[in-house]
Amino acid sequence: METGSGRGLLHDVLTSRVYDVARETPLEPAARLSRRLGHAVFLKREDLQPVFSYKIRGAHNRIAHLSMQERARGVVAASAGNHAQGVAFSARHLGIRAVIVMPQTTPEIKIEAVRELGAEVVLAGDSYAESQARAEALAAEGGLTLVHPFDDPLVIAGQGTIGLELLDQTGI
């Protein structure tokens, strides 16, 4: 599978640029749940990330790989939640303009969280699909780089750093 670097997914995971904004999160045993299920259950504490979600990993890895010309133009994403905050946080960290397209039905608390991270919010459509279409149009019109929440090799690779941490933390 060719990915962002053209070398493969494992290479892209190993060379992901996530740790200037994300942190290695602990893997904690869930004792009560483990007893209840009769199996060892562990929780990967991604809620301890700056935006309380693993989504910052993929968003930041994608944005960190932008060329200087792409950085100058900015990024756009469609999301009503964690991806929006990850893109906004990463763009602010790198001094890049971010436009986040959110469905008109997005709760105000989520909209404000993205604005507080410095992103411009555009409300468009009643569904994610409609917001995604608007984000794609903004990318085409303004030369913004689309940061897709899941259908991008560099986003996938950034989120894949969780797997590396799990291997390290479990000793596999």
C-alpha atoms as a PDB file:
ATOM      1  CA  MET A   1       0.000   0.000   0.000  1.00  0.00           C
ATOM      2  CA  GLU A   2       1.526   3.286  -1.091  1.00  0.00           C
ATOM      3  CA  THR A   3       0.996   6.042   1.412  1.00  0.00           C
ATOM      4  CA  GLY A   4       2.011   9.635   2.090  1.00  0.00           C
ATOM      5  CA  SER A   5       5.717   8.991   1.574  1.00  0.00           C
ATOM      6  CA  GLY A   6       5.279   6.359  -1.103  1.00  0.00           C
ATOM      7  CA  ARG A   7       7.272   3.937   1.093  1.00  0.00           C
ATOM      8  CA  GLY A   8       4.439   2.221   2.898  1.00  0.00           C
ATOM      9  CA  LEU A   9       2.210   2.520   5.902  1.00  0.00           C
ATOM     10  CA  LEU A  10       4.646   1.121   8.467  1.00  0.00           C
ATOM     11  CA  HIS A  11       7.319   3.592   7.373  1.00  0.00           C
ATOM     12  CA  ASP A  12       4.820   6.444   7.626  1.00  0.00           C
ATOM     13  CA  VAL A  13       3.756   5.376  11.120  1.00  0.00           C
ATOM     14  CA  LEU A  14       7.364   5.085  12.255  1.00  0.00           C
ATOM     15  CA  THR A  15       8.197   8.538  10.887  1.00  0.00           C
ATOM     16  CA  SER A  16       4.989  10.265  11.996  1.00  0.00           C
ATOM     17  CA  ARG A  17       5.380  13.720  13.422  1.00  0.00           C
ATOM     18  CA  VAL A  18       2.914  13.692  16.289  1.00  0.00           C
ATOM     19  CA  TYR A  19       4.896  14.124  19.489  1.00  0.00           C
ATOM     20  CA  ASP A  20       5.405  17.870  19.343  1.00  0.00           C
ATOM     21  CA  VAL A  21       1.672  18.189  20.175  1.00  0.00           C
ATOM     22  CA  ALA A  22       0.545  14.725  21.253  1.00  0.00           C
ATOM     23  CA  ARG A  23       1.912  12.736  24.133  1.00  0.00           C
ATOM     24  CA  GLU A  24       2.413   9.060  24.726  1.00  0.00           C
ATOM     25  CA  THR A  25      -0.621   8.160  26.779  1.00  0.00           C
ATOM     26  CA  PRO A  26      -0.689   5.552  29.511  1.00  0.00           C
ATOM     27  CA  LEU A  27      -2.223   2.134  29.162  1.00  0.00           C
ATOM     28  CA  GLU A  28      -4.148   1.522  32.346  1.00  0.00           C
ATOM     29  CA  PRO A  29      -5.691  -1.706  33.594  1.00  0.00           C
ATOM     30  CA  ALA A  30      -9.467  -1.693  33.954  1.00  0.00           C
ATOM     31  CA  ALA A  31      -9.621  -3.971  36.999  1.00  0.00           C
ATOM     32  CA  ARG A  32     -13.386  -4.075  37.512  1.00  0.00           C
ATOM     33  CA  LEU A  33     -14.129  -4.600  33.835  1.00  0.00           C
ATOM     34  CA  SER A  34     -11.393  -7.236  33.620  1.00  0.00           C
ATOM     35  CA  ARG A  35     -12.929  -9.142  36.536  1.00  0.00           C
ATOM     36  CA  ARG A  36     -16.403  -8.852  35.077  1.00  0.00           C
ATOM     37  CA  LEU A  37     -15.335 -10.139  31.667  1.00  0.00           C
ATOM     38  CA  GLY A  38     -12.793 -12.653  32.884  1.00  0.00           C
ATOM     39  CA  HIS A  39     -10.107 -11.171  30.623  1.00  0.00           C
ATOM     40  CA  ALA A  40      -7.423  -8.545  31.064  1.00  0.00           C
ATOM     41  CA  VAL A  41      -8.799  -5.238  29.776  1.00  0.00           C
ATOM     42  CA  PHE A  42      -6.692  -2.107  29.434  1.00  0.00           C
ATOM     43  CA  LEU A  43      -7.675   1.436  28.528  1.00  0.00           C
ATOM     44  CA  LYS A  44      -5.473   3.611  26.312  1.00  0.00           C
ATOM     45  CA  ARG A  45      -5.925   7.054  27.847  1.00  0.00           C
ATOM     46  CA  GLU A  46      -6.230   9.194  24.726  1.00  0.00           C
ATOM     47  CA  ASP A  47      -8.556  11.437  26.711  1.00  0.00           C
ATOM     48  CA  LEU A  48      -5.328  12.901  28.146  1.00  0.00           C
ATOM     49  CA  GLN A  49      -4.353  14.462  24.814  1.00  0.00           C
ATOM     50  CA  PRO A  50      -4.594  18.282  24.498  1.00  0.00           C
ATOM     51  CA  VAL A  51      -7.929  17.951  22.649  1.00  0.00           C
ATOM     52  CA  PHE A  52      -9.029  14.880  24.643  1.00  0.00           C
ATOM     53  CA  SER A  53      -8.887  12.559  21.635  1.00  0.00           C
ATOM     54  CA  TYR A  54      -6.533  10.473  19.515  1.00  0.00           C
ATOM     55  CA  LYS A  55      -7.671  12.508  16.508  1.00  0.00           C
ATOM     56  CA  ILE A  56      -4.932  15.054  17.186  1.00  0.00           C
ATOM     57  CA  ARG A  57      -2.352  12.464  16.096  1.00  0.00           C
ATOM     58  CA  GLY A  58      -3.589  12.095  12.537  1.00  0.00           C
ATOM     59  CA  ALA A  59      -4.502  15.742  12.072  1.00  0.00           C
ATOM     60  CA  HIS A  60      -1.119  16.939  13.255  1.00  0.00           C
ATOM     61  CA  ASN A  61       0.854  14.395  11.254  1.00  0.00           C
ATOM     62  CA  ARG A  62      -0.936  15.474   8.066  1.00  0.00           C
ATOM     63  CA  ILE A  63      -0.474  19.178   8.760  1.00  0.00           C
ATOM     64  CA  ALA A  64       3.154  18.791   9.858  1.00  0.00           C
ATOM     65  CA  HIS A  65       3.956  17.273   6.455  1.00  0.00           C
ATOM     66  CA  LEU A  66       2.664  20.265   4.473  1.00  0.00           C
ATOM     67  CA  SER A  67       5.102  22.116   2.242  1.00  0.00           C
ATOM     68  CA  MET A  68       5.836  25.769   2.983  1.00  0.00           C
ATOM     69  CA  GLN A  69       3.553  26.770   0.101  1.00  0.00           C
ATOM     70  CA  GLU A  70       0.719  24.621   1.452  1.00  0.00           C
ATOM     71  CA  ARG A  71       1.224  26.036   4.950  1.00  0.00           C
ATOM     72  CA  ALA A  72       0.993  29.553   3.563  1.00  0.00           C
ATOM     73  CA  ARG A  73      -2.410  28.778   2.008  1.00  0.00           C
ATOM     74  CA  GLY A  74      -3.853  26.993   5.064  1.00  0.00           C
ATOM     75  CA  VAL A  75      -5.981  23.941   5.715  1.00  0.00           C
ATOM     76  CA  VAL A  76      -9.647  23.036   5.688  1.00  0.00           C
ATOM     77  CA  ALA A  77     -11.484  20.138   7.300  1.00  0.00           C
ATOM     78  CA  ALA A  78     -15.044  18.963   7.790  1.00  0.00           C
ATOM     79  CA  SER A  79     -15.937  17.728  11.247  1.00  0.00           C
ATOM     80  CA  ALA A  80     -18.324  18.346  14.086  1.00  0.00           C
ATOM     81  CA  GLY A  81     -16.080  16.975  16.786  1.00  0.00           C
ATOM     82  CA  ASN A  82     -12.665  15.665  17.663  1.00  0.00           C
ATOM     83  CA  HIS A  83     -11.068  15.923  14.223  1.00  0.00           C
ATOM     84  CA  ALA A  84     -12.087  19.589  14.067  1.00  0.00           C
ATOM     85  CA  GLN A  85     -10.349  20.291  17.347  1.00  0.00           C
ATOM     86  CA  GLY A  86      -7.266  18.304  16.322  1.00  0.00           C
ATOM     87  CA  VAL A  87      -6.922  20.266  13.081  1.00  0.00           C
ATOM     88  CA  ALA A  88      -7.530  23.593  14.825  1.00  0.00           C
ATOM     89  CA  PHE A  89      -5.030  22.828  17.603  1.00  0.00           C
ATOM     90  CA  SER A  90      -2.340  21.647  15.196  1.00  0.00           C
ATOM     91  CA  ALA A  91      -2.826  24.562  12.816  1.00  0.00           C
ATOM     92  CA  ARG A  92      -2.560  27.038  15.688  1.00  0.00           C
ATOM     93  CA  HIS A  93       0.573  25.278  16.947  1.00  0.00           C
ATOM     94  CA  LEU A  94       2.188  25.607  13.507  1.00  0.00           C
ATOM     95  CA  GLY A  95       0.870  29.110  12.784  1.00  0.00           C
ATOM     96  CA  ILE A  96      -1.322  27.984   9.905  1.00  0.00           C
ATOM     97  CA  ARG A  97      -4.791  29.228   8.964  1.00  0.00           C
ATOM     98  CA  ALA A  98      -7.499  26.640   9.600  1.00  0.00           C
ATOM     99  CA  VAL A  99     -11.056  26.611   8.306  1.00  0.00           C
ATOM    100  CA  ILE A 100     -13.371  24.021   9.843  1.00  0.00           C
ATOM    101  CA  VAL A 101     -16.670  23.273   8.133  1.00  0.00           C
ATOM    102  CA  MET A 102     -19.271  21.996  10.577  1.00  0.00           C
ATOM    103  CA  PRO A 103     -22.899  20.982  10.038  1.00  0.00           C
ATOM    104  CA  GLN A 104     -25.395  23.669  11.014  1.00  0.00           C
ATOM    105  CA  THR A 105     -26.743  21.239  13.612  1.00  0.00           C
ATOM    106  CA  THR A 106     -23.442  21.158  15.540  1.00  0.00           C
ATOM    107  CA  PRO A 107     -23.894  22.037  19.225  1.00  0.00           C
ATOM    108  CA  GLU A 108     -22.636  25.506  20.126  1.00  0.00           C
ATOM    109  CA  ILE A 109     -20.204  24.105  22.695  1.00  0.00           C
ATOM    110  CA  LYS A 110     -18.336  22.237  19.925  1.00  0.00           C
ATOM    111  CA  ILE A 111     -18.319  25.279  17.660  1.00  0.00           C
ATOM    112  CA  GLU A 112     -16.895  27.438  20.450  1.00  0.00           C
ATOM    113  CA  ALA A 113     -14.230  24.856  21.293  1.00  0.00           C
ATOM    114  CA  VAL A 114     -12.959  25.025  17.699  1.00  0.00           C
ATOM    115  CA  ARG A 115     -13.097  28.822  17.603  1.00  0.00           C
ATOM    116  CA  GLU A 116     -11.186  29.016  20.889  1.00  0.00           C
ATOM    117  CA  LEU A 117      -8.415  27.035  19.197  1.00  0.00           C
ATOM    118  CA  GLY A 118      -8.129  29.782  16.585  1.00  0.00           C
ATOM    119  CA  ALA A 119      -9.925  28.225  13.622  1.00  0.00           C
ATOM    120  CA  GLU A 120     -12.447  29.907  11.396  1.00  0.00           C
ATOM    121  CA  VAL A 121     -15.754  28.019  11.558  1.00  0.00           C
ATOM    122  CA  VAL A 122     -18.058  27.721   8.555  1.00  0.00           C
ATOM    123  CA  LEU A 123     -21.479  26.206   9.196  1.00  0.00           C
ATOM    124  CA  ALA A 124     -22.745  24.362   6.132  1.00  0.00           C
ATOM    125  CA  GLY A 125     -25.305  21.655   5.595  1.00  0.00           C
ATOM    126  CA  ASP A 126     -27.240  19.452   7.969  1.00  0.00           C
ATOM    127  CA  SER A 127     -24.966  16.425   7.728  1.00  0.00           C
ATOM    128  CA  TYR A 128     -21.312  15.510   7.658  1.00  0.00           C
ATOM    129  CA  ALA A 129     -21.562  14.680   3.939  1.00  0.00           C
ATOM    130  CA  GLU A 130     -22.837  18.180   3.145  1.00  0.00           C
ATOM    131  CA  SER A 131     -20.116  19.762   5.286  1.00  0.00           C
ATOM    132  CA  GLN A 132     -17.477  17.593   3.592  1.00  0.00           C
ATOM    133  CA  ALA A 133     -18.696  18.749   0.180  1.00  0.00           C
ATOM    134  CA  ARG A 134     -18.384  22.391   1.288  1.00  0.00           C
ATOM    135  CA  ALA A 135     -14.884  21.752   2.661  1.00  0.00           C
ATOM    136  CA  GLU A 136     -13.852  20.199  -0.659  1.00  0.00           C
ATOM    137  CA  ALA A 137     -15.226  23.243  -2.502  1.00  0.00           C
ATOM    138  CA  LEU A 138     -13.322  25.612  -0.199  1.00  0.00           C
ATOM    139  CA  ALA A 139     -10.159  23.619  -0.788  1.00  0.00           C
ATOM    140  CA  ALA A 140     -10.582  23.876  -4.552  1.00  0.00           C
ATOM    141  CA  GLU A 141     -11.548  27.576  -4.492  1.00  0.00           C
ATOM    142  CA  GLY A 142      -8.912  28.822  -2.074  1.00  0.00           C
ATOM    143  CA  GLY A 143      -6.028  26.433  -2.501  1.00  0.00           C
ATOM    144  CA  LEU A 144      -6.480  25.142   1.042  1.00  0.00           C
ATOM    145  CA  THR A 145      -5.240  21.653   1.853  1.00  0.00           C
ATOM    146  CA  LEU A 146      -8.062  19.316   2.816  1.00  0.00           C
ATOM    147  CA  VAL A 147      -7.305  17.392   6.008  1.00  0.00           C
ATOM    148  CA  HIS A 148      -9.653  14.432   5.772  1.00  0.00           C
ATOM    149  CA  PRO A 149     -10.567  12.798   9.110  1.00  0.00           C
ATOM    150  CA  PHE A 150      -9.822   9.240   7.970  1.00  0.00           C
ATOM    151  CA  ASP A 151      -9.254   8.881   4.237  1.00  0.00           C
ATOM    152  CA  ASP A 152      -5.682  10.182   4.119  1.00  0.00           C
ATOM    153  CA  PRO A 153      -2.536   8.073   4.448  1.00  0.00           C
ATOM    154  CA  LEU A 154      -0.755  10.594   6.688  1.00  0.00           C
ATOM    155  CA  VAL A 155      -3.785  10.873   8.981  1.00  0.00           C
ATOM    156  CA  ILE A 156      -3.906   7.090   9.209  1.00  0.00           C
ATOM    157  CA  ALA A 157      -0.177   6.931   9.927  1.00  0.00           C
ATOM    158  CA  GLY A 158      -0.414   9.537  12.686  1.00  0.00           C
ATOM    159  CA  GLN A 159      -3.210   7.638  14.357  1.00  0.00           C
ATOM    160  CA  GLY A 160      -1.199   4.458  13.887  1.00  0.00           C
ATOM    161  CA  THR A 161       1.302   5.729  16.437  1.00  0.00           C
ATOM    162  CA  ILE A 162      -1.151   4.427  19.023  1.00  0.00           C
ATOM    163  CA  GLY A 163      -0.360   0.920  17.800  1.00  0.00           C
ATOM    164  CA  LEU A 164       3.366   1.483  18.300  1.00  0.00           C
ATOM    165  CA  GLU A 165       2.717   2.684  21.839  1.00  0.00           C
ATOM    166  CA  LEU A 166       0.546  -0.365  22.549  1.00  0.00           C
ATOM    167  CA  LEU A 167       3.296  -2.687  21.333  1.00  0.00           C
ATOM    168  CA  ASP A 168       5.831  -0.914  23.502  1.00  0.00           C
ATOM    169  CA  GLN A 169       3.597  -0.733  26.560  1.00  0.00           C
ATOM    170  CA  THR A 170       2.535  -4.366  26.403  1.00  0.00           C
ATOM    171  CA  GLY A 171       5.991  -5.701  25.586  1.00  0.00           C
ATOM    172  CA  ILE A 172       4.809  -7.494  22.460  1.00  0.00           C
END
